[in-house]
Amino acid sequence: MKIHTLGPAVTDSYRAAEQYRADHENLEVVGHPSFEVLYQSIPELRGELLLIPAAVKTPTGASWGDLHYQYGDRLELIDSLITELSPLAIFERRGRSGQRAYCHPATIDYLTRNVEGPLEIMPCPSKWQAYRCYQTDGDRLCGATARGTGGGRGL
């Protein structure tokens, strides 16, 4: 049996699925590029498991509640777990004065509460994808730090 969630393996969701798999035999974790893609795949995933975090928020603004009411008639809650999330940090590229900030939609409030001034917020399907975009052309990033590394320059 497979358990489907947000990938790649560095996401909190994928790590949670790995943790769940450790307690349940014969599960294969499958990462998806976004929760939208995962939800759109529900017809093909009949009989398999989905791991969806309660804090999910898609780039279009859909929350867990929105998705539950939209797809609830096709899903059954069979279990739950609580896991530790990677710590959040806000990174700012030195020498750049732009306002482009990449983040996962669930972290937008955290970002706006901790950064002064106007921001051009660019929502991404995962904190990992936000990091990848930040590397290309971002001025700020709100994302998870690698566990135990402390992160970068906080604002």
Foldseek 3Di string as FASTA:
>chain_A
DEEEEADDCPFPQNVVVVVVPVVPPPYHYDHDPAVVVVLVCLVVQPPYHYGDDQLAAAQVGQGPVNSCVVCVVSDDDDDDDDDDHFDKAKDFDPPDDAQEEEEAVSCPVVVPVFDDDDHDYDHGRGLVVRVVVCVVDNGMYIHGDDPPPPDDDHD
